[in-house]
Amino acid sequence: MKLQEDAGIDVVGDGEQARVHFVHGFLANLDGIDFEKKTLMGIRADRYKAEVPTVVGPIRRRGPVHAAEAKAARAHTDRKLKFTLPGPMTIVDTIADEHYGRREDLALAFAAALNAEARDLEAIGVDVIQFDEPAFNVYMREVADWGMAALEKARSGLACTTAVHICYGYGIKANLDWKATLGSEWRQYEEVFPLLARSSLDQVSLECRNSRVPPELMRLLDGKDVLVGAIDVASDTVETPQDVAATIREAMRYVAPEKIYPCTNCGMAPMRREVAYAKLSALARGAALVRAEVGPSR
């Protein structure tokens, strides 16, 4: 986090350093999951297959899952602190089920556990809780049918800022191959943004830099803070501050400046430390360029 501060980042996080996987790190302290019973299943609509743990009983927290990491992070920064959790739909798409039978029932069970965890994190002093939902770009009909209801249950009762992150996937060839099939325009956001605009979540995080998402889709998030992905996490090429500023200015055509929060497209775990730092520094400096143009309010 000190490196994030040195790079000029205003809202910092612990980078999920204590987790092996962004989903399974949360699941490890829940009852009802057998990690020894591996099931081969298709993930993200069979985009790829993986051996995953299996739900064999009711989902319940044994106790706080990430409290130690959150307390350590809170103790080491005075800046706003963000903490990420997997969203309920994405969890359901990353685990096998032999107990609930219906994906929506399993999602609501995970949402209840996520909500209890989020309330604990808020009590520790976390300022922003972000639910990561890449599955929202795959199962758009199910997002409307039950995905949004599960996400709302996960964030219910929280006074801190809440966000949802939706990206197109990184890190493995299957994700890259899938994106290559999507054509010249990626319009998945078009189906879910209106639902999110009507939701109680405060912020929506999306990818923009080197993406084929039509930027005008950001108009569909009227009223929400928009976390504009201005850093490509799939490339080691370091953006210049001017590159970042250009992405922000494009977003400003559709979103009020005070509602824009420049960020990365997704996590930076696969990157070398020096590349990640350089990209974060460019992010901060690019935001500063635009802030100087529009005034001090942001």
C-alpha atoms as a PDB file:
ATOM      1  CA  MET A   1       0.000   0.000   0.000  1.00  0.00           C
ATOM      2  CA  LYS A   2       2.909   2.352   0.564  1.00  0.00           C
ATOM      3  CA  LEU A   3       3.841   1.878  -3.092  1.00  0.00           C
ATOM      4  CA  GLN A   4       0.287   2.770  -4.087  1.00  0.00           C
ATOM      5  CA  GLU A   5       0.511   5.894  -1.969  1.00  0.00           C
ATOM      6  CA  ASP A   6       3.905   6.763  -3.469  1.00  0.00           C
ATOM      7  CA  ALA A   7       2.412   6.348  -6.941  1.00  0.00           C
ATOM      8  CA  GLY A   8      -0.273   8.889  -6.075  1.00  0.00           C
ATOM      9  CA  ILE A   9      -3.279   6.588  -5.672  1.00  0.00           C
ATOM     10  CA  ASP A  10      -6.049   8.109  -3.535  1.00  0.00           C
ATOM     11  CA  VAL A  11      -8.077   4.963  -2.758  1.00  0.00           C
ATOM     12  CA  VAL A  12      -5.789   2.043  -1.928  1.00  0.00           C
ATOM     13  CA  GLY A  13      -6.218  -1.677  -1.248  1.00  0.00           C
ATOM     14  CA  ASP A  14      -4.242  -4.653   0.001  1.00  0.00           C
ATOM     15  CA  GLY A  15      -4.088  -6.274  -3.432  1.00  0.00           C
ATOM     16  CA  GLU A  16      -5.631  -9.507  -2.104  1.00  0.00           C
ATOM     17  CA  GLN A  17      -2.140 -10.532  -1.023  1.00  0.00           C
ATOM     18  CA  ALA A  18      -3.424 -13.176   1.402  1.00  0.00           C
ATOM     19  CA  ARG A  19      -5.585 -14.926  -1.200  1.00  0.00           C
ATOM     20  CA  VAL A  20      -4.604 -17.610  -3.671  1.00  0.00           C
ATOM     21  CA  HIS A  21      -7.705 -16.938  -5.803  1.00  0.00           C
ATOM     22  CA  PHE A  22     -10.114 -14.014  -5.830  1.00  0.00           C
ATOM     23  CA  VAL A  23     -13.107 -16.319  -5.287  1.00  0.00           C
ATOM     24  CA  HIS A  24     -11.754 -19.272  -3.336  1.00  0.00           C
ATOM     25  CA  GLY A  25      -9.966 -16.994  -0.869  1.00  0.00           C
ATOM     26  CA  PHE A  26     -13.358 -16.037   0.524  1.00  0.00           C
ATOM     27  CA  LEU A  27     -14.809 -19.539   0.357  1.00  0.00           C
ATOM     28  CA  ALA A  28     -12.054 -21.053   2.499  1.00  0.00           C
ATOM     29  CA  ASN A  29     -13.709 -20.025   5.767  1.00  0.00           C
ATOM     30  CA  LEU A  30     -17.257 -21.093   4.951  1.00  0.00           C
ATOM     31  CA  ASP A  31     -19.082 -24.187   6.119  1.00  0.00           C
ATOM     32  CA  GLY A  32     -20.865 -26.278   3.524  1.00  0.00           C
ATOM     33  CA  ILE A  33     -17.996 -26.525   1.029  1.00  0.00           C
ATOM     34  CA  ASP A  34     -15.845 -29.616   0.518  1.00  0.00           C
ATOM     35  CA  PHE A  35     -12.488 -28.514  -0.882  1.00  0.00           C
ATOM     36  CA  GLU A  36     -11.341 -32.123  -1.136  1.00  0.00           C
ATOM     37  CA  LYS A  37     -14.261 -33.049  -3.374  1.00  0.00           C
ATOM     38  CA  LYS A  38     -13.219 -31.604  -6.711  1.00  0.00           C
ATOM     39  CA  THR A  39     -15.717 -31.393  -9.558  1.00  0.00           C
ATOM     40  CA  LEU A  40     -14.791 -30.700 -13.169  1.00  0.00           C
ATOM     41  CA  MET A  41     -17.164 -28.045 -14.499  1.00  0.00           C
ATOM     42  CA  GLY A  42     -17.455 -25.437 -17.204  1.00  0.00           C
ATOM     43  CA  ILE A  43     -16.931 -21.851 -16.089  1.00  0.00           C
ATOM     44  CA  ARG A  44     -18.259 -18.651 -17.738  1.00  0.00           C
ATOM     45  CA  ALA A  45     -20.678 -20.589 -19.963  1.00  0.00           C
ATOM     46  CA  ASP A  46     -18.115 -23.320 -20.656  1.00  0.00           C
ATOM     47  CA  ARG A  47     -15.474 -20.840 -21.791  1.00  0.00           C
ATOM     48  CA  TYR A  48     -13.045 -23.092 -19.941  1.00  0.00           C
ATOM     49  CA  LYS A  49     -13.166 -26.035 -17.562  1.00  0.00           C
ATOM     50  CA  ALA A  50     -11.628 -26.334 -14.113  1.00  0.00           C
ATOM     51  CA  GLU A  51     -11.707 -28.610 -11.078  1.00  0.00           C
ATOM     52  CA  VAL A  52     -13.525 -26.689  -8.374  1.00  0.00           C
ATOM     53  CA  PRO A  53     -14.670 -27.302  -4.780  1.00  0.00           C
ATOM     54  CA  THR A  54     -18.177 -28.628  -4.203  1.00  0.00           C
ATOM     55  CA  VAL A  55     -21.036 -27.289  -2.087  1.00  0.00           C
ATOM     56  CA  VAL A  56     -22.284 -30.188   0.022  1.00  0.00           C
ATOM     57  CA  GLY A  57     -24.315 -28.431   2.738  1.00  0.00           C
ATOM     58  CA  PRO A  58     -25.750 -25.094   3.889  1.00  0.00           C
ATOM     59  CA  ILE A  59     -23.429 -22.135   3.308  1.00  0.00           C
ATOM     60  CA  ARG A  60     -22.482 -20.376   6.547  1.00  0.00           C
ATOM     61  CA  ARG A  61     -19.544 -18.300   7.707  1.00  0.00           C
ATOM     62  CA  ARG A  62     -17.516 -19.854  10.499  1.00  0.00           C
ATOM     63  CA  GLY A  63     -16.519 -16.330  11.447  1.00  0.00           C
ATOM     64  CA  PRO A  64     -14.890 -13.314   9.812  1.00  0.00           C
ATOM     65  CA  VAL A  65     -12.908 -14.312   6.736  1.00  0.00           C
ATOM     66  CA  HIS A  66     -10.792 -11.279   5.851  1.00  0.00           C
ATOM     67  CA  ALA A  67     -10.787  -9.334   9.120  1.00  0.00           C
ATOM     68  CA  ALA A  68      -7.049  -9.778   9.719  1.00  0.00           C
ATOM     69  CA  GLU A  69      -6.139  -8.468   6.262  1.00  0.00           C
ATOM     70  CA  ALA A  70      -8.532  -5.543   6.572  1.00  0.00           C
ATOM     71  CA  LYS A  71      -7.232  -4.575  10.013  1.00  0.00           C
ATOM     72  CA  ALA A  72      -3.638  -4.707   8.785  1.00  0.00           C
ATOM     73  CA  ALA A  73      -4.485  -2.602   5.759  1.00  0.00           C
ATOM     74  CA  ARG A  74      -6.421  -0.073   7.822  1.00  0.00           C
ATOM     75  CA  ALA A  75      -3.505   0.263  10.234  1.00  0.00           C
ATOM     76  CA  HIS A  76      -1.050   1.011   7.432  1.00  0.00           C
ATOM     77  CA  THR A  77      -2.800   3.803   5.547  1.00  0.00           C
ATOM     78  CA  ASP A  78      -4.681   7.002   6.292  1.00  0.00           C
ATOM     79  CA  ARG A  79      -6.112   7.076   2.782  1.00  0.00           C
ATOM     80  CA  LYS A  80      -9.467   5.705   1.763  1.00  0.00           C
ATOM     81  CA  LEU A  81      -9.345   1.920   1.839  1.00  0.00           C
ATOM     82  CA  LYS A  82     -11.069  -0.334  -0.671  1.00  0.00           C
ATOM     83  CA  PHE A  83     -11.628  -4.039  -0.066  1.00  0.00           C
ATOM     84  CA  THR A  84     -12.749  -6.467  -2.760  1.00  0.00           C
ATOM     85  CA  LEU A  85     -15.038  -9.478  -2.446  1.00  0.00           C
ATOM     86  CA  PRO A  86     -16.273 -11.884  -5.130  1.00  0.00           C
ATOM     87  CA  GLY A  87     -19.861 -11.272  -6.158  1.00  0.00           C
ATOM     88  CA  PRO A  88     -22.468 -13.979  -5.527  1.00  0.00           C
ATOM     89  CA  MET A  89     -23.121 -14.757  -9.207  1.00  0.00           C
ATOM     90  CA  THR A  90     -19.417 -15.130  -9.934  1.00  0.00           C
ATOM     91  CA  ILE A  91     -19.008 -17.427  -6.923  1.00  0.00           C
ATOM     92  CA  VAL A  92     -21.863 -19.611  -8.163  1.00  0.00           C
ATOM     93  CA  ASP A  93     -20.149 -19.839 -11.542  1.00  0.00           C
ATOM     94  CA  THR A  94     -16.877 -20.924  -9.920  1.00  0.00           C
ATOM     95  CA  ILE A  95     -18.060 -23.741  -7.632  1.00  0.00           C
ATOM     96  CA  ALA A  96     -19.997 -26.980  -8.034  1.00  0.00           C
ATOM     97  CA  ASP A  97     -23.302 -27.525  -6.210  1.00  0.00           C
ATOM     98  CA  GLU A  98     -24.638 -30.758  -4.763  1.00  0.00           C
ATOM     99  CA  HIS A  99     -26.889 -29.193  -2.131  1.00  0.00           C
ATOM    100  CA  TYR A 100     -29.055 -26.251  -3.251  1.00  0.00           C
ATOM    101  CA  GLY A 101     -30.052 -27.431  -6.728  1.00  0.00           C
ATOM    102  CA  ARG A 102     -30.853 -23.984  -8.135  1.00  0.00           C
ATOM    103  CA  ARG A 103     -28.166 -21.435  -8.948  1.00  0.00           C
ATOM    104  CA  GLU A 104     -30.284 -18.568  -7.650  1.00  0.00           C
ATOM    105  CA  ASP A 105     -30.746 -20.267  -4.258  1.00  0.00           C
ATOM    106  CA  LEU A 106     -27.013 -20.873  -4.013  1.00  0.00           C
ATOM    107  CA  ALA A 107     -26.336 -17.252  -4.980  1.00  0.00           C
ATOM    108  CA  LEU A 108     -28.623 -15.931  -2.243  1.00  0.00           C
ATOM    109  CA  ALA A 109     -26.905 -18.159   0.309  1.00  0.00           C
ATOM    110  CA  PHE A 110     -23.524 -16.779  -0.691  1.00  0.00           C
ATOM    111  CA  ALA A 111     -24.982 -13.263  -0.692  1.00  0.00           C
ATOM    112  CA  ALA A 112     -25.968 -13.651   2.954  1.00  0.00           C
ATOM    113  CA  ALA A 113     -22.427 -14.740   3.852  1.00  0.00           C
ATOM    114  CA  LEU A 114     -20.952 -11.882   1.810  1.00  0.00           C
ATOM    115  CA  ASN A 115     -23.213  -9.385   3.532  1.00  0.00           C
ATOM    116  CA  ALA A 116     -22.117 -10.537   6.979  1.00  0.00           C
ATOM    117  CA  GLU A 117     -18.490 -10.268   5.872  1.00  0.00           C
ATOM    118  CA  ALA A 118     -19.021  -6.823   4.351  1.00  0.00           C
ATOM    119  CA  ARG A 119     -20.604  -5.535   7.552  1.00  0.00           C
ATOM    120  CA  ASP A 120     -17.567  -6.734   9.502  1.00  0.00           C
ATOM    121  CA  LEU A 121     -15.236  -5.015   7.030  1.00  0.00           C
ATOM    122  CA  GLU A 122     -17.197  -1.797   7.292  1.00  0.00           C
ATOM    123  CA  ALA A 123     -16.930  -1.935  11.099  1.00  0.00           C
ATOM    124  CA  ILE A 124     -13.138  -2.289  10.786  1.00  0.00           C
ATOM    125  CA  GLY A 125     -13.007   0.953   8.820  1.00  0.00           C
ATOM    126  CA  VAL A 126     -13.097  -0.071   5.165  1.00  0.00           C
ATOM    127  CA  ASP A 127     -14.356   2.877   3.111  1.00  0.00           C
ATOM    128  CA  VAL A 128     -15.266   1.102  -0.139  1.00  0.00           C
ATOM    129  CA  ILE A 129     -16.409  -2.490  -0.600  1.00  0.00           C
ATOM    130  CA  GLN A 130     -16.297  -3.735  -4.179  1.00  0.00           C
ATOM    131  CA  PHE A 131     -18.000  -6.890  -5.382  1.00  0.00           C
ATOM    132  CA  ASP A 132     -16.269  -8.431  -8.407  1.00  0.00           C
ATOM    133  CA  GLU A 133     -18.814  -9.796 -10.892  1.00  0.00           C
ATOM    134  CA  PRO A 134     -17.188 -10.791 -14.214  1.00  0.00           C
ATOM    135  CA  ALA A 135     -20.046 -13.284 -14.616  1.00  0.00           C
ATOM    136  CA  PHE A 136     -22.370 -10.312 -15.242  1.00  0.00           C
ATOM    137  CA  ASN A 137     -20.822 -10.043 -18.720  1.00  0.00           C
ATOM    138  CA  VAL A 138     -21.749 -13.642 -19.522  1.00  0.00           C
ATOM    139  CA  TYR A 139     -25.178 -14.428 -18.063  1.00  0.00           C
ATOM    140  CA  MET A 140     -27.036 -11.221 -18.844  1.00  0.00           C
ATOM    141  CA  ARG A 141     -30.525 -12.751 -18.652  1.00  0.00           C
ATOM    142  CA  GLU A 142     -29.723 -14.333 -15.293  1.00  0.00           C
ATOM    143  CA  VAL A 143     -28.399 -10.983 -14.049  1.00  0.00           C
ATOM    144  CA  ALA A 144     -31.921  -9.628 -14.510  1.00  0.00           C
ATOM    145  CA  ASP A 145     -33.611 -12.775 -13.189  1.00  0.00           C
ATOM    146  CA  TRP A 146     -31.620 -13.215  -9.971  1.00  0.00           C
ATOM    147  CA  GLY A 147     -28.087 -11.843 -10.202  1.00  0.00           C
ATOM    148  CA  MET A 148     -29.030  -8.293  -9.236  1.00  0.00           C
ATOM    149  CA  ALA A 149     -31.199  -9.515  -6.363  1.00  0.00           C
ATOM    150  CA  ALA A 150     -28.266 -11.507  -4.991  1.00  0.00           C
ATOM    151  CA  LEU A 151     -25.916  -8.537  -5.358  1.00  0.00           C
ATOM    152  CA  GLU A 152     -28.392  -6.247  -3.599  1.00  0.00           C
ATOM    153  CA  LYS A 153     -28.622  -8.748  -0.746  1.00  0.00           C
ATOM    154  CA  ALA A 154     -24.822  -8.817  -0.478  1.00  0.00           C
ATOM    155  CA  ARG A 155     -24.622  -5.021  -0.072  1.00  0.00           C
ATOM    156  CA  SER A 156     -27.786  -4.479   1.989  1.00  0.00           C
ATOM    157  CA  GLY A 157     -27.492  -2.396   5.132  1.00  0.00           C
ATOM    158  CA  LEU A 158     -24.039  -1.007   4.355  1.00  0.00           C
ATOM    159  CA  ALA A 159     -23.332   2.685   4.920  1.00  0.00           C
ATOM    160  CA  CYS A 160     -19.899   2.619   3.285  1.00  0.00           C
ATOM    161  CA  THR A 161     -19.479   3.136  -0.462  1.00  0.00           C
ATOM    162  CA  THR A 162     -20.321   0.015  -2.469  1.00  0.00           C
ATOM    163  CA  ALA A 163     -19.092  -0.822  -5.951  1.00  0.00           C
ATOM    164  CA  VAL A 164     -19.386  -3.583  -8.501  1.00  0.00           C
ATOM    165  CA  HIS A 165     -16.597  -4.432 -10.937  1.00  0.00           C
ATOM    166  CA  ILE A 166     -17.425  -6.064 -14.260  1.00  0.00           C
ATOM    167  CA  CYS A 167     -14.639  -6.928 -16.681  1.00  0.00           C
ATOM    168  CA  TYR A 168     -14.123  -9.276 -19.615  1.00  0.00           C
ATOM    169  CA  GLY A 169     -11.610 -11.579 -17.958  1.00  0.00           C
ATOM    170  CA  TYR A 170      -7.835 -11.810 -17.949  1.00  0.00           C
ATOM    171  CA  GLY A 171      -4.961 -14.091 -17.144  1.00  0.00           C
ATOM    172  CA  ILE A 172      -5.708 -17.183 -19.214  1.00  0.00           C
ATOM    173  CA  LYS A 173      -5.826 -17.980 -22.933  1.00  0.00           C
ATOM    174  CA  ALA A 174      -9.495 -18.967 -22.797  1.00  0.00           C
ATOM    175  CA  ASN A 175     -10.453 -15.430 -21.816  1.00  0.00           C
ATOM    176  CA  LEU A 176      -8.356 -13.914 -24.587  1.00  0.00           C
ATOM    177  CA  ASP A 177      -9.811 -16.340 -27.137  1.00  0.00           C
ATOM    178  CA  TRP A 178     -13.363 -15.514 -26.019  1.00  0.00           C
ATOM    179  CA  LYS A 179     -12.792 -11.776 -26.362  1.00  0.00           C
ATOM    180  CA  ALA A 180     -11.488 -12.358 -29.886  1.00  0.00           C
ATOM    181  CA  THR A 181     -14.941 -13.727 -30.819  1.00  0.00           C
ATOM    182  CA  LEU A 182     -16.879 -10.677 -29.641  1.00  0.00           C
ATOM    183  CA  GLY A 183     -16.383  -8.585 -32.764  1.00  0.00           C
ATOM    184  CA  SER A 184     -15.516  -4.936 -33.172  1.00  0.00           C
ATOM    185  CA  GLU A 185     -17.861  -3.766 -30.395  1.00  0.00           C
ATOM    186  CA  TRP A 186     -18.318  -5.330 -26.978  1.00  0.00           C
ATOM    187  CA  ARG A 187     -21.873  -4.476 -25.956  1.00  0.00           C
ATOM    188  CA  GLN A 188     -22.465  -6.806 -22.993  1.00  0.00           C
ATOM    189  CA  TYR A 189     -22.503  -3.803 -20.662  1.00  0.00           C
ATOM    190  CA  GLU A 190     -25.520  -2.492 -22.561  1.00  0.00           C
ATOM    191  CA  GLU A 191     -27.757  -5.119 -20.953  1.00  0.00           C
ATOM    192  CA  VAL A 192     -26.565  -4.828 -17.371  1.00  0.00           C
ATOM    193  CA  PHE A 193     -25.845  -1.095 -16.996  1.00  0.00           C
ATOM    194  CA  PRO A 194     -29.541  -0.074 -16.881  1.00  0.00           C
ATOM    195  CA  LEU A 195     -30.077  -2.598 -14.077  1.00  0.00           C
ATOM    196  CA  LEU A 196     -27.092  -1.245 -12.170  1.00  0.00           C
ATOM    197  CA  ALA A 197     -28.257   2.339 -12.696  1.00  0.00           C
ATOM    198  CA  ARG A 198     -31.464   1.439 -10.820  1.00  0.00           C
ATOM    199  CA  SER A 199     -29.598  -0.419  -8.065  1.00  0.00           C
ATOM    200  CA  SER A 200     -28.540   0.779  -4.619  1.00  0.00           C
ATOM    201  CA  LEU A 201     -24.837   0.363  -5.397  1.00  0.00           C
ATOM    202  CA  ASP A 202     -22.863   3.592  -5.566  1.00  0.00           C
ATOM    203  CA  GLN A 203     -20.190   2.807  -8.129  1.00  0.00           C
ATOM    204  CA  VAL A 204     -19.655   0.705 -11.257  1.00  0.00           C
ATOM    205  CA  SER A 205     -16.129  -0.271 -12.335  1.00  0.00           C
ATOM    206  CA  LEU A 206     -15.590  -1.043 -16.018  1.00  0.00           C
ATOM    207  CA  GLU A 207     -12.757  -1.516 -18.480  1.00  0.00           C
ATOM    208  CA  CYS A 208     -12.048   1.123 -21.127  1.00  0.00           C
ATOM    209  CA  ARG A 209      -8.348   1.257 -22.050  1.00  0.00           C
ATOM    210  CA  ASN A 210      -7.644  -0.894 -25.144  1.00  0.00           C
ATOM    211  CA  SER A 211     -11.169  -2.254 -24.849  1.00  0.00           C
ATOM    212  CA  ARG A 212     -13.789  -2.550 -27.573  1.00  0.00           C
ATOM    213  CA  VAL A 213     -16.545  -1.345 -25.267  1.00  0.00           C
ATOM    214  CA  PRO A 214     -18.372   1.580 -26.916  1.00  0.00           C
ATOM    215  CA  PRO A 215     -17.715   4.441 -24.505  1.00  0.00           C
ATOM    216  CA  GLU A 216     -21.190   5.902 -25.020  1.00  0.00           C
ATOM    217  CA  LEU A 217     -22.574   2.979 -22.991  1.00  0.00           C
ATOM    218  CA  MET A 218     -21.401   4.859 -19.912  1.00  0.00           C
ATOM    219  CA  ARG A 219     -24.439   7.095 -20.400  1.00  0.00           C
ATOM    220  CA  LEU A 220     -26.535   4.169 -19.161  1.00  0.00           C
ATOM    221  CA  LEU A 221     -24.995   4.580 -15.687  1.00  0.00           C
ATOM    222  CA  ASP A 222     -26.569   7.973 -15.076  1.00  0.00           C
ATOM    223  CA  GLY A 223     -26.390   8.860 -11.390  1.00  0.00           C
ATOM    224  CA  LYS A 224     -23.632   6.397 -10.516  1.00  0.00           C
ATOM    225  CA  ASP A 225     -19.965   6.992  -9.886  1.00  0.00           C
ATOM    226  CA  VAL A 226     -18.137   5.442 -12.842  1.00  0.00           C
ATOM    227  CA  LEU A 227     -14.755   3.819 -12.196  1.00  0.00           C
ATOM    228  CA  VAL A 228     -13.159   4.256 -15.599  1.00  0.00           C
ATOM    229  CA  GLY A 229     -10.527   1.656 -16.427  1.00  0.00           C
ATOM    230  CA  ALA A 230      -7.706   3.747 -17.883  1.00  0.00           C
ATOM    231  CA  ILE A 231      -4.909   1.181 -17.468  1.00  0.00           C
ATOM    232  CA  ASP A 232      -4.643  -1.988 -19.567  1.00  0.00           C
ATOM    233  CA  VAL A 233      -3.718  -4.857 -17.240  1.00  0.00           C
ATOM    234  CA  ALA A 234      -3.247  -7.300 -20.143  1.00  0.00           C
ATOM    235  CA  SER A 235      -0.157  -5.522 -21.443  1.00  0.00           C
ATOM    236  CA  ASP A 236       3.220  -4.642 -19.939  1.00  0.00           C
ATOM    237  CA  THR A 237       3.324  -1.513 -22.079  1.00  0.00           C
ATOM    238  CA  VAL A 238       3.166   1.369 -19.626  1.00  0.00           C
ATOM    239  CA  GLU A 239       0.628   4.042 -20.463  1.00  0.00           C
ATOM    240  CA  THR A 240       1.742   7.647 -20.477  1.00  0.00           C
ATOM    241  CA  PRO A 241      -0.114  10.195 -18.339  1.00  0.00           C
ATOM    242  CA  GLN A 242      -1.395  11.609 -21.619  1.00  0.00           C
ATOM    243  CA  ASP A 243      -2.844   8.197 -22.543  1.00  0.00           C
ATOM    244  CA  VAL A 244      -4.674   8.086 -19.220  1.00  0.00           C
ATOM    245  CA  ALA A 245      -5.896  11.648 -19.622  1.00  0.00           C
ATOM    246  CA  ALA A 246      -7.250  10.832 -23.087  1.00  0.00           C
ATOM    247  CA  THR A 247      -9.295   7.923 -21.687  1.00  0.00           C
ATOM    248  CA  ILE A 248     -10.684  10.154 -18.941  1.00  0.00           C
ATOM    249  CA  ARG A 249     -11.566  12.920 -21.387  1.00  0.00           C
ATOM    250  CA  GLU A 250     -13.421  10.415 -23.566  1.00  0.00           C
ATOM    251  CA  ALA A 251     -15.392   9.268 -20.509  1.00  0.00           C
ATOM    252  CA  MET A 252     -16.233  12.900 -19.721  1.00  0.00           C
ATOM    253  CA  ARG A 253     -18.233  13.054 -22.951  1.00  0.00           C
ATOM    254  CA  TYR A 254     -20.784  10.751 -21.285  1.00  0.00           C
ATOM    255  CA  VAL A 255     -20.235  11.092 -17.503  1.00  0.00           C
ATOM    256  CA  ALA A 256     -19.979  14.233 -15.373  1.00  0.00           C
ATOM    257  CA  PRO A 257     -16.376  14.842 -14.248  1.00  0.00           C
ATOM    258  CA  GLU A 258     -17.290  14.683 -10.557  1.00  0.00           C
ATOM    259  CA  LYS A 259     -18.685  11.162 -11.086  1.00  0.00           C
ATOM    260  CA  ILE A 260     -15.498   9.773 -12.697  1.00  0.00           C
ATOM    261  CA  TYR A 261     -12.920   7.783 -10.717  1.00  0.00           C
ATOM    262  CA  PRO A 262     -10.020   6.659 -12.949  1.00  0.00           C
ATOM    263  CA  CYS A 263      -8.768   3.165 -12.139  1.00  0.00           C
ATOM    264  CA  THR A 264      -7.252   0.074 -13.743  1.00  0.00           C
ATOM    265  CA  ASN A 265      -9.215  -2.262 -16.018  1.00  0.00           C
ATOM    266  CA  CYS A 266      -8.848  -5.093 -13.509  1.00  0.00           C
ATOM    267  CA  GLY A 267      -6.321  -6.474 -11.031  1.00  0.00           C
ATOM    268  CA  MET A 268      -2.564  -6.323 -11.612  1.00  0.00           C
ATOM    269  CA  ALA A 269      -1.504  -9.580  -9.966  1.00  0.00           C
ATOM    270  CA  PRO A 270       0.174 -11.110 -13.058  1.00  0.00           C
ATOM    271  CA  MET A 271       2.403  -8.067 -13.590  1.00  0.00           C
ATOM    272  CA  ARG A 272       5.963  -7.471 -12.548  1.00  0.00           C
ATOM    273  CA  ARG A 273       6.165  -5.113  -9.610  1.00  0.00           C
ATOM    274  CA  GLU A 274       8.001  -2.365 -11.486  1.00  0.00           C
ATOM    275  CA  VAL A 275       5.504  -2.448 -14.368  1.00  0.00           C
ATOM    276  CA  ALA A 276       2.527  -2.282 -12.023  1.00  0.00           C
ATOM    277  CA  TYR A 277       4.059   0.647 -10.155  1.00  0.00           C
ATOM    278  CA  ALA A 278       4.790   2.534 -13.368  1.00  0.00           C
ATOM    279  CA  LYS A 279       1.229   2.022 -14.557  1.00  0.00           C
ATOM    280  CA  LEU A 280      -0.226   3.229 -11.248  1.00  0.00           C
ATOM    281  CA  SER A 281       2.014   6.281 -11.354  1.00  0.00           C
ATOM    282  CA  ALA A 282       0.801   7.036 -14.885  1.00  0.00           C
ATOM    283  CA  LEU A 283      -2.787   6.624 -13.687  1.00  0.00           C
ATOM    284  CA  ALA A 284      -2.322   9.191 -10.938  1.00  0.00           C
ATOM    285  CA  ARG A 285      -0.453  11.653 -13.138  1.00  0.00           C
ATOM    286  CA  GLY A 286      -2.965  11.352 -15.949  1.00  0.00           C
ATOM    287  CA  ALA A 287      -5.821  12.008 -13.537  1.00  0.00           C
ATOM    288  CA  ALA A 288      -3.938  15.042 -12.235  1.00  0.00           C
ATOM    289  CA  LEU A 289      -3.681  16.427 -15.760  1.00  0.00           C
ATOM    290  CA  VAL A 290      -7.439  16.302 -16.239  1.00  0.00           C
ATOM    291  CA  ARG A 291      -8.141  17.509 -12.712  1.00  0.00           C
ATOM    292  CA  ALA A 292      -6.090  20.607 -13.467  1.00  0.00           C
ATOM    293  CA  GLU A 293      -8.201  21.195 -16.583  1.00  0.00           C
ATOM    294  CA  VAL A 294     -11.627  20.822 -14.959  1.00  0.00           C
ATOM    295  CA  GLY A 295     -10.879  22.375 -11.562  1.00  0.00           C
ATOM    296  CA  PRO A 296     -10.188  21.253  -8.011  1.00  0.00           C
ATOM    297  CA  SER A 297     -13.518  19.574  -7.188  1.00  0.00           C
ATOM    298  CA  ARG A 298     -12.228  16.133  -8.357  1.00  0.00           C
END
